[in-house]
Amino acid sequence: KENPIEKLLNLLPAEIAQLKREEIEADLKAADLW
């Protein structure tokens, strides 16, 4: 099964998806959850 989070990100407009990925990565790294 495809991961639902990845599926959601892949269905968003490309620019929005990229921005969301960057924001999520930064937040996860800041919380030591990356």
PDB file of all heavy atoms in Angstrom:
ATOM      1  N   LYS A   1       0.819  -1.211   0.000  1.00  0.00           N
ATOM      2  CA  LYS A   1       0.000   0.000   0.000  1.00  0.00           C
ATOM      3  C   LYS A   1       0.853   1.260   0.000  1.00  0.00           C
ATOM      4  O   LYS A   1       1.871   1.336   0.669  1.00  0.00           O
ATOM      5  CB  LYS A   1      -0.903   0.032   1.230  1.00  0.00           C
ATOM      6  CG  LYS A   1      -1.969  -1.024   1.243  1.00  0.00           C
ATOM      7  CD  LYS A   1      -2.959  -0.793   2.345  1.00  0.00           C
ATOM      8  CE  LYS A   1      -2.364  -1.153   3.681  1.00  0.00           C
ATOM      9  NZ  LYS A   1      -3.307  -1.023   4.789  1.00  0.00           N
ATOM     10  N   GLU A   2       0.400   2.259  -0.762  1.00  0.00           N
ATOM     11  CA  GLU A   2       1.073   3.551  -0.786  1.00  0.00           C
ATOM     12  C   GLU A   2       0.843   4.255   0.548  1.00  0.00           C
ATOM     13  O   GLU A   2      -0.245   4.196   1.121  1.00  0.00           O
ATOM     14  CB  GLU A   2       0.529   4.403  -1.928  1.00  0.00           C
ATOM     15  CG  GLU A   2       1.225   5.731  -2.073  1.00  0.00           C
ATOM     16  CD  GLU A   2       0.715   6.539  -3.257  1.00  0.00           C
ATOM     17  OE1 GLU A   2      -0.332   6.178  -3.826  1.00  0.00           O
ATOM     18  OE2 GLU A   2       1.369   7.524  -3.594  1.00  0.00           O
ATOM     19  N   ASN A   3       1.861   4.919   1.048  1.00  0.00           N
ATOM     20  CA  ASN A   3       1.757   5.657   2.287  1.00  0.00           C
ATOM     21  C   ASN A   3       0.781   6.820   2.106  1.00  0.00           C
ATOM     22  O   ASN A   3       0.926   7.609   1.165  1.00  0.00           O
ATOM     23  CB  ASN A   3       3.144   6.170   2.689  1.00  0.00           C
ATOM     24  CG  ASN A   3       3.110   6.952   3.963  1.00  0.00           C
ATOM     25  OD1 ASN A   3       2.591   8.057   4.007  1.00  0.00           O
ATOM     26  ND2 ASN A   3       3.682   6.374   5.002  1.00  0.00           N
ATOM     27  N   PRO A   4      -0.230   6.961   2.982  1.00  0.00           N
ATOM     28  CA  PRO A   4      -1.232   8.018   2.825  1.00  0.00           C
ATOM     29  C   PRO A   4      -0.646   9.435   2.858  1.00  0.00           C
ATOM     30  O   PRO A   4      -1.140  10.318   2.156  1.00  0.00           O
ATOM     31  CB  PRO A   4      -2.185   7.800   4.000  1.00  0.00           C
ATOM     32  CG  PRO A   4      -1.974   6.389   4.410  1.00  0.00           C
ATOM     33  CD  PRO A   4      -0.555   6.067   4.086  1.00  0.00           C
ATOM     34  N   ILE A   5       0.380   9.658   3.654  1.00  0.00           N
ATOM     35  CA  ILE A   5       1.000  10.985   3.708  1.00  0.00           C
ATOM     36  C   ILE A   5       1.666  11.296   2.374  1.00  0.00           C
ATOM     37  O   ILE A   5       1.495  12.378   1.813  1.00  0.00           O
ATOM     38  CB  ILE A   5       2.010  11.090   4.868  1.00  0.00           C
ATOM     39  CG1 ILE A   5       1.277  10.980   6.210  1.00  0.00           C
ATOM     40  CG2 ILE A   5       2.806  12.388   4.787  1.00  0.00           C
ATOM     41  CD1 ILE A   5       2.189  10.831   7.408  1.00  0.00           C
ATOM     42  N   GLU A   6       2.413  10.346   1.861  1.00  0.00           N
ATOM     43  CA  GLU A   6       3.069  10.531   0.566  1.00  0.00           C
ATOM     44  C   GLU A   6       2.037  10.662  -0.549  1.00  0.00           C
ATOM     45  O   GLU A   6       2.211  11.458  -1.465  1.00  0.00           O
ATOM     46  CB  GLU A   6       4.034   9.376   0.281  1.00  0.00           C
ATOM     47  CG  GLU A   6       5.261   9.368   1.164  1.00  0.00           C
ATOM     48  CD  GLU A   6       6.103  10.621   1.001  1.00  0.00           C
ATOM     49  OE1 GLU A   6       6.375  11.023  -0.148  1.00  0.00           O
ATOM     50  OE2 GLU A   6       6.501  11.197   2.029  1.00  0.00           O
ATOM     51  N   LYS A   7       0.959   9.882  -0.466  1.00  0.00           N
ATOM     52  CA  LYS A   7      -0.093   9.979  -1.473  1.00  0.00           C
ATOM     53  C   LYS A   7      -0.692  11.384  -1.486  1.00  0.00           C
ATOM     54  O   LYS A   7      -0.868  11.980  -2.550  1.00  0.00           O
ATOM     55  CB  LYS A   7      -1.187   8.946  -1.198  1.00  0.00           C
ATOM     56  CG  LYS A   7      -2.293   8.959  -2.219  1.00  0.00           C
ATOM     57  CD  LYS A   7      -3.296   7.860  -1.961  1.00  0.00           C
ATOM     58  CE  LYS A   7      -4.367   7.854  -3.034  1.00  0.00           C
ATOM     59  NZ  LYS A   7      -5.291   6.742  -2.872  1.00  0.00           N
ATOM     60  N   LEU A   8      -0.979  11.914  -0.304  1.00  0.00           N
ATOM     61  CA  LEU A   8      -1.527  13.263  -0.202  1.00  0.00           C
ATOM     62  C   LEU A   8      -0.571  14.286  -0.798  1.00  0.00           C
ATOM     63  O   LEU A   8      -0.963  15.121  -1.616  1.00  0.00           O
ATOM     64  CB  LEU A   8      -1.829  13.604   1.258  1.00  0.00           C
ATOM     65  CG  LEU A   8      -2.229  15.044   1.569  1.00  0.00           C
ATOM     66  CD1 LEU A   8      -3.424  15.485   0.734  1.00  0.00           C
ATOM     67  CD2 LEU A   8      -2.506  15.204   3.044  1.00  0.00           C
ATOM     68  N   LEU A   9       0.685  14.217  -0.413  1.00  0.00           N
ATOM     69  CA  LEU A   9       1.673  15.170  -0.931  1.00  0.00           C
ATOM     70  C   LEU A   9       1.816  15.061  -2.446  1.00  0.00           C
ATOM     71  O   LEU A   9       1.944  16.080  -3.130  1.00  0.00           O
ATOM     72  CB  LEU A   9       3.025  14.964  -0.248  1.00  0.00           C
ATOM     73  CG  LEU A   9       3.087  15.432   1.205  1.00  0.00           C
ATOM     74  CD1 LEU A   9       4.330  14.885   1.888  1.00  0.00           C
ATOM     75  CD2 LEU A   9       3.034  16.941   1.293  1.00  0.00           C
ATOM     76  N   ASN A  10       1.766  13.855  -2.969  1.00  0.00           N
ATOM     77  CA  ASN A  10       1.897  13.650  -4.415  1.00  0.00           C
ATOM     78  C   ASN A  10       0.705  14.174  -5.202  1.00  0.00           C
ATOM     79  O   ASN A  10       0.833  14.478  -6.389  1.00  0.00           O
ATOM     80  CB  ASN A  10       2.116  12.172  -4.729  1.00  0.00           C
ATOM     81  CG  ASN A  10       3.479  11.686  -4.302  1.00  0.00           C
ATOM     82  OD1 ASN A  10       4.426  12.462  -4.168  1.00  0.00           O
ATOM     83  ND2 ASN A  10       3.594  10.396  -4.042  1.00  0.00           N
ATOM     84  N   LEU A  11      -0.454  14.298  -4.557  1.00  0.00           N
ATOM     85  CA  LEU A  11      -1.649  14.780  -5.241  1.00  0.00           C
ATOM     86  C   LEU A  11      -1.808  16.301  -5.179  1.00  0.00           C
ATOM     87  O   LEU A  11      -2.619  16.862  -5.917  1.00  0.00           O
ATOM     88  CB  LEU A  11      -2.896  14.111  -4.648  1.00  0.00           C
ATOM     89  CG  LEU A  11      -3.052  12.631  -4.976  1.00  0.00           C
ATOM     90  CD1 LEU A  11      -4.196  12.033  -4.184  1.00  0.00           C
ATOM     91  CD2 LEU A  11      -3.261  12.426  -6.468  1.00  0.00           C
ATOM     92  N   LEU A  12      -1.046  16.954  -4.329  1.00  0.00           N
ATOM     93  CA  LEU A  12      -1.116  18.408  -4.229  1.00  0.00           C
ATOM     94  C   LEU A  12      -0.397  19.061  -5.411  1.00  0.00           C
ATOM     95  O   LEU A  12       0.473  18.436  -6.023  1.00  0.00           O
ATOM     96  CB  LEU A  12      -0.468  18.877  -2.924  1.00  0.00           C
ATOM     97  CG  LEU A  12      -1.186  18.514  -1.637  1.00  0.00           C
ATOM     98  CD1 LEU A  12      -0.350  18.939  -0.433  1.00  0.00           C
ATOM     99  CD2 LEU A  12      -2.563  19.136  -1.581  1.00  0.00           C
ATOM    100  N   PRO A  13      -0.757  20.302  -5.734  1.00  0.00           N
ATOM    101  CA  PRO A  13       0.007  21.014  -6.765  1.00  0.00           C
ATOM    102  C   PRO A  13       1.493  20.990  -6.403  1.00  0.00           C
ATOM    103  O   PRO A  13       1.856  21.090  -5.224  1.00  0.00           O
ATOM    104  CB  PRO A  13      -0.566  22.429  -6.707  1.00  0.00           C
ATOM    105  CG  PRO A  13      -1.947  22.255  -6.146  1.00  0.00           C
ATOM    106  CD  PRO A  13      -1.841  21.118  -5.172  1.00  0.00           C
ATOM    107  N   ALA A  14       2.352  20.842  -7.384  1.00  0.00           N
ATOM    108  CA  ALA A  14       3.787  20.625  -7.172  1.00  0.00           C
ATOM    109  C   ALA A  14       4.435  21.659  -6.256  1.00  0.00           C
ATOM    110  O   ALA A  14       5.203  21.292  -5.349  1.00  0.00           O
ATOM    111  CB  ALA A  14       4.518  20.576  -8.509  1.00  0.00           C
ATOM    112  N   GLU A  15       4.150  22.931  -6.473  1.00  0.00           N
ATOM    113  CA  GLU A  15       4.780  23.971  -5.649  1.00  0.00           C
ATOM    114  C   GLU A  15       4.339  23.868  -4.192  1.00  0.00           C
ATOM    115  O   GLU A  15       5.147  24.030  -3.280  1.00  0.00           O
ATOM    116  CB  GLU A  15       4.458  25.359  -6.194  1.00  0.00           C
ATOM    117  CG  GLU A  15       5.146  25.666  -7.509  1.00  0.00           C
ATOM    118  CD  GLU A  15       4.789  27.051  -8.048  1.00  0.00           C
ATOM    119  OE1 GLU A  15       4.124  27.831  -7.340  1.00  0.00           O
ATOM    120  OE2 GLU A  15       5.178  27.334  -9.186  1.00  0.00           O
ATOM    121  N   ILE A  16       3.069  23.603  -3.980  1.00  0.00           N
ATOM    122  CA  ILE A  16       2.543  23.470  -2.622  1.00  0.00           C
ATOM    123  C   ILE A  16       3.138  22.235  -1.955  1.00  0.00           C
ATOM    124  O   ILE A  16       3.548  22.279  -0.799  1.00  0.00           O
ATOM    125  CB  ILE A  16       1.003  23.425  -2.630  1.00  0.00           C
ATOM    126  CG1 ILE A  16       0.454  24.773  -3.075  1.00  0.00           C
ATOM    127  CG2 ILE A  16       0.455  23.032  -1.267  1.00  0.00           C
ATOM    128  CD1 ILE A  16      -1.028  24.794  -3.327  1.00  0.00           C
ATOM    129  N   ALA A  17       3.192  21.134  -2.691  1.00  0.00           N
ATOM    130  CA  ALA A  17       3.753  19.900  -2.142  1.00  0.00           C
ATOM    131  C   ALA A  17       5.205  20.100  -1.727  1.00  0.00           C
ATOM    132  O   ALA A  17       5.619  19.656  -0.649  1.00  0.00           O
ATOM    133  CB  ALA A  17       3.636  18.773  -3.157  1.00  0.00           C
ATOM    134  N   GLN A  18       5.980  20.761  -2.552  1.00  0.00           N
ATOM    135  CA  GLN A  18       7.385  21.003  -2.236  1.00  0.00           C
ATOM    136  C   GLN A  18       7.516  21.864  -0.974  1.00  0.00           C
ATOM    137  O   GLN A  18       8.328  21.564  -0.093  1.00  0.00           O
ATOM    138  CB  GLN A  18       8.107  21.672  -3.407  1.00  0.00           C
ATOM    139  CG  GLN A  18       9.585  21.900  -3.177  1.00  0.00           C
ATOM    140  CD  GLN A  18      10.347  20.608  -2.914  1.00  0.00           C
ATOM    141  OE1 GLN A  18      10.048  19.557  -3.477  1.00  0.00           O
ATOM    142  NE2 GLN A  18      11.333  20.670  -2.042  1.00  0.00           N
ATOM    143  N   LEU A  19       6.709  22.909  -0.883  1.00  0.00           N
ATOM    144  CA  LEU A  19       6.722  23.775   0.289  1.00  0.00           C
ATOM    145  C   LEU A  19       6.339  22.986   1.543  1.00  0.00           C
ATOM    146  O   LEU A  19       6.997  23.104   2.582  1.00  0.00           O
ATOM    147  CB  LEU A  19       5.768  24.956   0.096  1.00  0.00           C
ATOM    148  CG  LEU A  19       5.623  25.913   1.277  1.00  0.00           C
ATOM    149  CD1 LEU A  19       6.958  26.592   1.588  1.00  0.00           C
ATOM    150  CD2 LEU A  19       4.553  26.944   0.989  1.00  0.00           C
ATOM    151  N   LYS A  20       5.296  22.181   1.441  1.00  0.00           N
ATOM    152  CA  LYS A  20       4.849  21.359   2.579  1.00  0.00           C
ATOM    153  C   LYS A  20       5.954  20.391   3.010  1.00  0.00           C
ATOM    154  O   LYS A  20       6.209  20.222   4.201  1.00  0.00           O
ATOM    155  CB  LYS A  20       3.579  20.576   2.243  1.00  0.00           C
ATOM    156  CG  LYS A  20       2.386  21.429   1.928  1.00  0.00           C
ATOM    157  CD  LYS A  20       1.781  21.981   3.177  1.00  0.00           C
ATOM    158  CE  LYS A  20       0.501  22.745   2.850  1.00  0.00           C
ATOM    159  NZ  LYS A  20       0.037  23.494   4.001  1.00  0.00           N
ATOM    160  N   ARG A  21       6.595  19.744   2.032  1.00  0.00           N
ATOM    161  CA  ARG A  21       7.684  18.800   2.362  1.00  0.00           C
ATOM    162  C   ARG A  21       8.810  19.519   3.114  1.00  0.00           C
ATOM    163  O   ARG A  21       9.349  18.991   4.081  1.00  0.00           O
ATOM    164  CB  ARG A  21       8.232  18.163   1.088  1.00  0.00           C
ATOM    165  CG  ARG A  21       7.325  17.147   0.457  1.00  0.00           C
ATOM    166  CD  ARG A  21       7.955  16.580  -0.823  1.00  0.00           C
ATOM    167  NE  ARG A  21       7.008  15.883  -1.646  1.00  0.00           N
ATOM    168  CZ  ARG A  21       6.575  14.639  -1.451  1.00  0.00           C
ATOM    169  NH1 ARG A  21       7.015  13.960  -0.422  1.00  0.00           N
ATOM    170  NH2 ARG A  21       5.699  14.094  -2.267  1.00  0.00           N
ATOM    171  N   GLU A  22       9.169  20.707   2.647  1.00  0.00           N
ATOM    172  CA  GLU A  22      10.243  21.463   3.297  1.00  0.00           C
ATOM    173  C   GLU A  22       9.849  21.879   4.714  1.00  0.00           C
ATOM    174  O   GLU A  22      10.655  21.780   5.641  1.00  0.00           O
ATOM    175  CB  GLU A  22      10.600  22.696   2.459  1.00  0.00           C
ATOM    176  CG  GLU A  22      11.285  22.347   1.154  1.00  0.00           C
ATOM    177  CD  GLU A  22      11.404  23.517   0.191  1.00  0.00           C
ATOM    178  OE1 GLU A  22      10.986  24.651   0.537  1.00  0.00           O
ATOM    179  OE2 GLU A  22      11.916  23.295  -0.929  1.00  0.00           O
ATOM    180  N   GLU A  23       8.610  22.342   4.882  1.00  0.00           N
ATOM    181  CA  GLU A  23       8.140  22.745   6.202  1.00  0.00           C
ATOM    182  C   GLU A  23       8.096  21.555   7.153  1.00  0.00           C
ATOM    183  O   GLU A  23       8.520  21.655   8.312  1.00  0.00           O
ATOM    184  CB  GLU A  23       6.737  23.366   6.101  1.00  0.00           C
ATOM    185  CG  GLU A  23       6.698  24.690   5.392  1.00  0.00           C
ATOM    186  CD  GLU A  23       5.281  25.165   5.108  1.00  0.00           C
ATOM    187  OE1 GLU A  23       4.321  24.359   5.148  1.00  0.00           O
ATOM    188  OE2 GLU A  23       5.141  26.369   4.833  1.00  0.00           O
ATOM    189  N   ILE A  24       7.580  20.438   6.675  1.00  0.00           N
ATOM    190  CA  ILE A  24       7.495  19.230   7.498  1.00  0.00           C
ATOM    191  C   ILE A  24       8.885  18.757   7.888  1.00  0.00           C
ATOM    192  O   ILE A  24       9.135  18.432   9.055  1.00  0.00           O
ATOM    193  CB  ILE A  24       6.713  18.123   6.757  1.00  0.00           C
ATOM    194  CG1 ILE A  24       5.231  18.504   6.675  1.00  0.00           C
ATOM    195  CG2 ILE A  24       6.903  16.772   7.423  1.00  0.00           C
ATOM    196  CD1 ILE A  24       4.423  17.663   5.709  1.00  0.00           C
ATOM    197  N   GLU A  25       9.798  18.718   6.937  1.00  0.00           N
ATOM    198  CA  GLU A  25      11.163  18.282   7.237  1.00  0.00           C
ATOM    199  C   GLU A  25      11.801  19.186   8.295  1.00  0.00           C
ATOM    200  O   GLU A  25      12.400  18.700   9.257  1.00  0.00           O
ATOM    201  CB  GLU A  25      12.029  18.260   5.978  1.00  0.00           C
ATOM    202  CG  GLU A  25      13.441  17.773   6.247  1.00  0.00           C
ATOM    203  CD  GLU A  25      14.291  17.652   5.002  1.00  0.00           C
ATOM    204  OE1 GLU A  25      13.745  17.700   3.873  1.00  0.00           O
ATOM    205  OE2 GLU A  25      15.515  17.506   5.149  1.00  0.00           O
ATOM    206  N   ALA A  26      11.661  20.494   8.139  1.00  0.00           N
ATOM    207  CA  ALA A  26      12.240  21.435   9.110  1.00  0.00           C
ATOM    208  C   ALA A  26      11.638  21.228  10.501  1.00  0.00           C
ATOM    209  O   ALA A  26      12.362  21.200  11.505  1.00  0.00           O
ATOM    210  CB  ALA A  26      12.029  22.870   8.637  1.00  0.00           C
ATOM    211  N   ASP A  27      10.310  21.079  10.555  1.00  0.00           N
ATOM    212  CA  ASP A  27       9.648  20.874  11.853  1.00  0.00           C
ATOM    213  C   ASP A  27      10.057  19.555  12.495  1.00  0.00           C
ATOM    214  O   ASP A  27      10.298  19.491  13.700  1.00  0.00           O
ATOM    215  CB  ASP A  27       8.126  20.906  11.692  1.00  0.00           C
ATOM    216  CG  ASP A  27       7.576  22.292  11.414  1.00  0.00           C
ATOM    217  OD1 ASP A  27       8.347  23.282  11.479  1.00  0.00           O
ATOM    218  OD2 ASP A  27       6.367  22.393  11.125  1.00  0.00           O
ATOM    219  N   LEU A  28      10.126  18.500  11.693  1.00  0.00           N
ATOM    220  CA  LEU A  28      10.514  17.196  12.228  1.00  0.00           C
ATOM    221  C   LEU A  28      11.959  17.207  12.714  1.00  0.00           C
ATOM    222  O   LEU A  28      12.268  16.622  13.760  1.00  0.00           O
ATOM    223  CB  LEU A  28      10.309  16.095  11.184  1.00  0.00           C
ATOM    224  CG  LEU A  28       8.856  15.748  10.855  1.00  0.00           C
ATOM    225  CD1 LEU A  28       8.796  14.807   9.661  1.00  0.00           C
ATOM    226  CD2 LEU A  28       8.147  15.136  12.057  1.00  0.00           C
ATOM    227  N   LYS A  29      12.823  17.866  11.979  1.00  0.00           N
ATOM    228  CA  LYS A  29      14.222  17.964  12.417  1.00  0.00           C
ATOM    229  C   LYS A  29      14.326  18.761  13.711  1.00  0.00           C
ATOM    230  O   LYS A  29      15.071  18.382  14.613  1.00  0.00           O
ATOM    231  CB  LYS A  29      15.086  18.577  11.318  1.00  0.00           C
ATOM    232  CG  LYS A  29      15.380  17.602  10.198  1.00  0.00           C
ATOM    233  CD  LYS A  29      16.258  18.221   9.122  1.00  0.00           C
ATOM    234  CE  LYS A  29      16.604  17.181   8.066  1.00  0.00           C
ATOM    235  NZ  LYS A  29      17.426  17.746   6.972  1.00  0.00           N
ATOM    236  N   ALA A  30      13.577  19.857  13.806  1.00  0.00           N
ATOM    237  CA  ALA A  30      13.599  20.684  15.018  1.00  0.00           C
ATOM    238  C   ALA A  30      13.094  19.899  16.230  1.00  0.00           C
ATOM    239  O   ALA A  30      13.569  20.113  17.349  1.00  0.00           O
ATOM    240  CB  ALA A  30      12.755  21.942  14.817  1.00  0.00           C
ATOM    241  N   ALA A  31      12.167  18.984  16.007  1.00  0.00           N
ATOM    242  CA  ALA A  31      11.617  18.164  17.090  1.00  0.00           C
ATOM    243  C   ALA A  31      12.381  16.856  17.271  1.00  0.00           C
ATOM    244  O   ALA A  31      11.982  16.007  18.068  1.00  0.00           O
ATOM    245  CB  ALA A  31      10.146  17.871  16.811  1.00  0.00           C
ATOM    246  N   ASP A  32      13.474  16.696  16.529  1.00  0.00           N
ATOM    247  CA  ASP A  32      14.292  15.478  16.561  1.00  0.00           C
ATOM    248  C   ASP A  32      13.470  14.229  16.195  1.00  0.00           C
ATOM    249  O   ASP A  32      13.630  13.160  16.764  1.00  0.00           O
ATOM    250  CB  ASP A  32      14.959  15.301  17.919  1.00  0.00           C
ATOM    251  CG  ASP A  32      16.148  14.350  17.860  1.00  0.00           C
ATOM    252  OD1 ASP A  32      16.781  14.246  16.783  1.00  0.00           O
ATOM    253  OD2 ASP A  32      16.446  13.700  18.886  1.00  0.00           O
ATOM    254  N   LEU A  33      12.577  14.387  15.194  1.00  0.00           N
ATOM    255  CA  LEU A  33      11.723  13.297  14.743  1.00  0.00           C
ATOM    256  C   LEU A  33      11.927  12.957  13.268  1.00  0.00           C
ATOM    257  O   LEU A  33      11.199  12.130  12.713  1.00  0.00           O
ATOM    258  CB  LEU A  33      10.247  13.652  14.986  1.00  0.00           C
ATOM    259  CG  LEU A  33       9.828  13.749  16.451  1.00  0.00           C
ATOM    260  CD1 LEU A  33       8.454  14.396  16.568  1.00  0.00           C
ATOM    261  CD2 LEU A  33       9.843  12.371  17.098  1.00  0.00           C
ATOM    262  N   TRP A  34      12.904  13.590  12.636  1.00  0.00           N
ATOM    263  CA  TRP A  34      13.120  13.362  11.213  1.00  0.00           C
ATOM    264  C   TRP A  34      13.458  11.895  10.921  1.00  0.00           C
ATOM    265  O   TRP A  34      12.927  11.299   9.986  1.00  0.00           O
ATOM    266  CB  TRP A  34      14.208  14.279  10.671  1.00  0.00           C
ATOM    267  CG  TRP A  34      14.533  14.002   9.229  1.00  0.00           C
ATOM    268  CD1 TRP A  34      15.705  13.507   8.741  1.00  0.00           C
ATOM    269  CD2 TRP A  34      13.678  14.167   8.101  1.00  0.00           C
ATOM    270  NE1 TRP A  34      15.629  13.359   7.379  1.00  0.00           N
ATOM    271  CE2 TRP A  34      14.384  13.765   6.956  1.00  0.00           C
ATOM    272  CE3 TRP A  34      12.379  14.627   7.943  1.00  0.00           C
ATOM    273  CZ2 TRP A  34      13.836  13.800   5.683  1.00  0.00           C
ATOM    274  CZ3 TRP A  34      11.830  14.660   6.666  1.00  0.00           C
ATOM    275  CH2 TRP A  34      12.573  14.248   5.557  1.00  0.00           C
TER     276      TRP A  34
END
